[in-house]
Protein backbone atom coordinates (compact mmCIF):
# COMPACT_ATOMS: atom_id res chain seq x y z
CA UNK A 1 20.84 -50.07 20.24
CA UNK A 2 17.94 -47.58 20.66
CA UNK A 3 16.02 -46.22 17.69
CA UNK A 4 17.07 -42.70 16.79
CA UNK A 5 15.56 -42.26 13.32
CA UNK A 6 12.43 -43.34 11.43
CA UNK A 7 12.20 -43.30 7.61
CA UNK A 8 9.07 -43.62 5.49
CA UNK A 9 8.47 -44.42 1.85
CA UNK A 10 5.97 -42.26 -0.08
CA UNK A 11 3.98 -44.11 -2.78
CA UNK A 12 1.70 -46.75 -1.23
CA UNK A 13 2.57 -45.53 2.27
CA UNK A 14 2.19 -41.79 2.85
CA UNK A 15 0.31 -41.62 -0.45
CA UNK A 16 -2.57 -44.00 -1.19
CA UNK A 17 -1.98 -44.88 -4.83
CA UNK A 18 -4.53 -47.29 -6.33
CA UNK A 19 -4.17 -48.39 -9.98
CA UNK A 20 -6.35 -45.97 -11.93
CA UNK A 21 -6.00 -47.92 -15.16
CA UNK A 22 -3.95 -45.18 -16.89
CA UNK A 23 -1.73 -47.61 -18.82
CA UNK A 24 -4.66 -49.66 -20.09
CA UNK A 25 -6.59 -46.50 -21.03
CA UNK A 26 -3.76 -45.13 -23.11
CA UNK A 27 -2.91 -48.47 -24.68
CA UNK A 28 -6.50 -48.68 -25.85
CA UNK A 29 -6.42 -45.08 -27.07
CA UNK A 30 -3.18 -45.65 -29.00
CA UNK A 31 -4.27 -49.11 -30.19
CA UNK A 32 -1.39 -50.92 -28.47
CA UNK A 33 -1.08 -54.45 -27.14
CA UNK A 34 -1.29 -54.95 -23.36
CA UNK A 35 2.10 -54.21 -21.84
CA UNK A 36 3.41 -52.49 -24.99
CA UNK A 37 3.26 -48.96 -23.63
CA UNK A 38 5.56 -49.62 -20.66
CA UNK A 39 7.81 -51.79 -22.77
CA UNK A 40 8.37 -49.04 -25.29
CA UNK A 41 8.79 -46.37 -22.58
CA UNK A 42 10.99 -48.44 -20.28
CA UNK A 43 14.05 -46.29 -20.90
CA UNK A 44 12.07 -43.10 -20.34
CA UNK A 45 10.64 -44.31 -17.05
CA UNK A 46 14.11 -45.43 -15.91
CA UNK A 47 15.73 -42.16 -16.99
CA UNK A 48 13.08 -40.14 -15.17
CA UNK A 49 13.42 -42.22 -11.99
CA UNK A 50 17.21 -41.83 -11.87
CA UNK A 51 17.33 -38.21 -13.01
CA UNK A 52 19.17 -38.80 -16.26
CA UNK A 53 16.32 -37.15 -18.14
CA UNK A 54 14.75 -33.76 -17.41
CA UNK A 55 10.96 -33.33 -17.43
CA UNK A 56 11.27 -31.66 -20.86
CA UNK A 57 13.30 -34.57 -22.16
CA UNK A 58 10.73 -37.02 -20.80
CA UNK A 59 7.96 -35.28 -22.65
CA UNK A 60 9.97 -35.04 -25.87
CA UNK A 61 11.01 -38.67 -25.71
CA UNK A 62 7.48 -39.91 -25.13
CA UNK A 63 6.29 -37.93 -28.13
CA UNK A 64 9.00 -39.25 -30.36
CA UNK A 65 8.72 -42.90 -29.25
CA UNK A 66 4.95 -43.08 -29.25
CA UNK A 67 4.20 -40.72 -32.15
CA UNK A 68 2.11 -38.49 -29.86
CA UNK A 69 1.48 -34.78 -30.22
CA UNK A 70 2.65 -32.39 -27.49
CA UNK A 71 -1.00 -32.04 -26.35
CA UNK A 72 -1.38 -35.84 -26.16
CA UNK A 73 1.84 -36.13 -24.15
CA UNK A 74 0.64 -33.48 -21.71
CA UNK A 75 -2.68 -35.26 -21.26
CA UNK A 76 -0.93 -38.59 -20.80
CA UNK A 77 1.45 -37.18 -18.19
CA UNK A 78 -1.41 -35.47 -16.37
CA UNK A 79 -2.98 -38.95 -15.99
CA UNK A 80 0.35 -40.44 -14.90
CA UNK A 81 0.81 -37.81 -12.21
CA UNK A 82 -2.76 -38.19 -10.92
CA UNK A 83 -2.06 -41.89 -10.36
CA UNK A 84 1.45 -41.23 -9.00
CA UNK A 85 0.29 -38.68 -6.38
CA UNK A 86 -2.82 -40.59 -5.32
CA UNK A 87 -4.36 -39.23 -2.14
CA UNK A 88 -2.84 -38.47 1.26
CA UNK A 89 -2.77 -41.18 3.92
CA UNK A 90 -3.90 -38.72 6.57
CA UNK A 91 -3.59 -40.95 9.65
CA UNK A 92 -0.07 -42.13 8.81
CA UNK A 93 1.04 -38.63 7.79
CA UNK A 94 -0.06 -37.19 11.13
CA UNK A 95 1.72 -39.97 12.99
CA UNK A 96 4.88 -39.33 10.97
CA UNK A 97 4.64 -35.60 11.74
CA UNK A 98 4.43 -36.24 15.48
CA UNK A 99 7.60 -38.35 15.56
CA UNK A 100 9.73 -35.22 15.70
CA UNK A 101 11.60 -33.98 17.65
CA UNK A 102 11.95 -37.22 19.62
CA UNK A 103 13.21 -38.99 16.49
CA UNK A 104 14.96 -37.83 13.39
CA UNK A 105 12.73 -38.48 10.36
CA UNK A 106 13.24 -38.72 6.62
CA UNK A 107 11.45 -39.78 3.46
CA UNK A 108 13.14 -42.22 1.04
CA UNK A 109 11.33 -42.47 -2.26
CA UNK A 110 11.83 -44.17 -5.61
CA UNK A 111 10.59 -41.11 -7.42
CA UNK A 112 10.31 -39.50 -10.86
CA UNK A 113 11.69 -36.20 -12.12
CA UNK A 114 9.25 -33.48 -11.10
CA UNK A 115 8.03 -35.30 -7.98
CA UNK A 116 9.45 -32.89 -5.44
CA UNK A 117 7.58 -29.90 -6.82
CA UNK A 118 4.30 -31.72 -7.24
CA UNK A 119 4.36 -33.47 -3.84
CA UNK A 120 5.29 -30.19 -2.20
CA UNK A 121 2.34 -28.48 -3.84
CA UNK A 122 -0.08 -31.25 -2.83
CA UNK A 123 1.22 -32.49 0.49
CA UNK A 124 4.09 -30.29 1.86
CA UNK A 125 6.10 -33.41 2.74
CA UNK A 126 9.24 -31.32 3.37
CA UNK A 127 7.50 -29.85 6.41
CA UNK A 128 6.99 -33.30 7.93
CA UNK A 129 10.55 -34.46 8.22
CA UNK A 130 14.21 -33.49 8.36
CA UNK A 131 14.85 -34.23 4.67
CA UNK A 132 13.67 -36.17 1.62
CA UNK A 133 15.82 -38.42 -0.57
CA UNK A 134 14.37 -38.77 -4.05
CA UNK A 135 15.89 -41.37 -6.36
CA UNK A 136 15.75 -39.01 -9.35
CA UNK A 137 17.85 -36.43 -7.41
CA UNK A 138 20.55 -38.85 -6.17
CA UNK A 139 20.82 -41.13 -9.22
CA UNK A 140 20.10 -44.38 -7.39
CA UNK A 141 17.02 -46.18 -6.19
CA UNK A 142 15.82 -48.85 -3.74
CA UNK A 143 16.87 -51.65 -3.37
CA UNK A 144 20.36 -50.39 -4.17
CA UNK A 145 22.37 -50.67 -0.99
CA UNK A 146 23.97 -47.27 -1.58
CA UNK A 147 20.75 -45.38 -1.14
CA UNK A 148 20.32 -46.83 2.39
CA UNK A 149 23.89 -45.91 3.21
CA UNK A 150 23.24 -42.36 1.97
CA UNK A 151 20.12 -42.16 4.16
CA UNK A 152 22.01 -43.24 7.29
CA UNK A 153 24.89 -40.90 6.45
CA UNK A 154 22.55 -37.91 6.16
CA UNK A 155 20.80 -38.86 9.39
CA UNK A 156 24.14 -39.32 11.16
CA UNK A 157 23.09 -42.65 12.64
CA UNK A 158 24.01 -46.34 12.40
CA UNK A 159 21.70 -48.64 10.37
CA UNK A 160 20.64 -50.45 13.54
CA UNK A 161 19.29 -47.13 14.87
CA UNK A 162 16.85 -46.72 11.97
CA UNK A 163 13.31 -48.01 11.32
CA UNK A 164 12.37 -48.04 7.65
CA UNK A 165 8.75 -48.44 6.48
CA UNK A 166 8.02 -49.39 2.86
CA UNK A 167 5.27 -51.27 0.98
CA UNK A 168 7.65 -53.22 -1.27
CA UNK A 169 9.26 -56.41 -0.01
CA UNK A 170 12.40 -55.98 -2.12
CA UNK A 171 13.04 -52.57 -0.51
CA UNK A 172 12.48 -53.93 2.98
CA UNK A 173 14.65 -56.96 2.39
CA UNK A 174 17.52 -54.77 1.19
CA UNK A 175 17.14 -52.43 4.16
CA UNK A 176 17.29 -55.37 6.53
CA UNK A 177 20.35 -56.72 4.80
CA UNK A 178 22.00 -53.35 5.29
CA UNK A 179 21.20 -53.56 9.00
CA UNK A 180 18.13 -51.34 9.32
CA UNK A 181 14.89 -52.36 10.99
CA UNK A 182 12.70 -52.91 7.94
CA UNK A 183 8.92 -52.97 8.37
CA UNK A 184 6.66 -53.95 5.47
CA UNK A 185 3.63 -51.69 5.24
CA UNK A 186 0.33 -53.46 4.71
CA UNK A 187 -2.11 -51.13 6.44
CA UNK A 188 -2.00 -48.35 8.99
CA UNK A 189 -2.85 -50.23 12.22
CA UNK A 190 -0.32 -52.97 11.47
CA UNK A 191 2.42 -50.48 10.53
CA UNK A 192 1.94 -48.32 13.61
CA UNK A 193 1.87 -51.37 15.90
CA UNK A 194 5.01 -52.82 14.30
CA UNK A 195 6.89 -49.51 14.59
CA UNK A 196 5.99 -49.17 18.28
CA UNK A 197 7.01 -52.82 18.92
CA UNK A 198 10.34 -52.22 17.26
CA UNK A 199 10.97 -49.05 19.29
CA UNK A 200 10.17 -50.90 22.53
CA UNK A 201 12.23 -53.92 21.62
CA UNK A 202 15.26 -51.69 21.10
CA UNK A 203 14.74 -49.43 24.10
CA UNK A 204 17.83 -48.90 26.28
């Protein structure tokens, strides 16, 4: 079955997102034990990733849970977003842009409430592809089988007609189990070669 659609992840793929040490910095600032910050904010991070909390509720919850002032929360979230957005993977982004109109294209991202606006301001991802599925907007995230089904439904294709590129093995494994052609992103040259090989292997 020929490839008709190609779907990319964002963080770690279209965005280069190294660990900037934000968590360690704030744990030190708040005099917390290693791992304590994310442990205490687990529910907030989950709520923001599935859209059950608004941005305002995220900020309020962090302040209440951590005993931080509004100014501290703003500074903390500025650091979080700087790490989240990273920098643009220019080579891969330009390749992704050129896939249309020969292929349908989409972005599938485990995101956080507020991501669409910020990524649009920084990178204009919505101009690269046919649509973007953000986990915080649809209330489900990879590796949930339903989010792959939703992606194929919106593309109007069968799973076997889709290539999906992601940097997380769990997301790729789930995509393959659903019937998509999952490619694990390690670096640009490898990813581009693997995509082209997959296209050729499934040519009519």
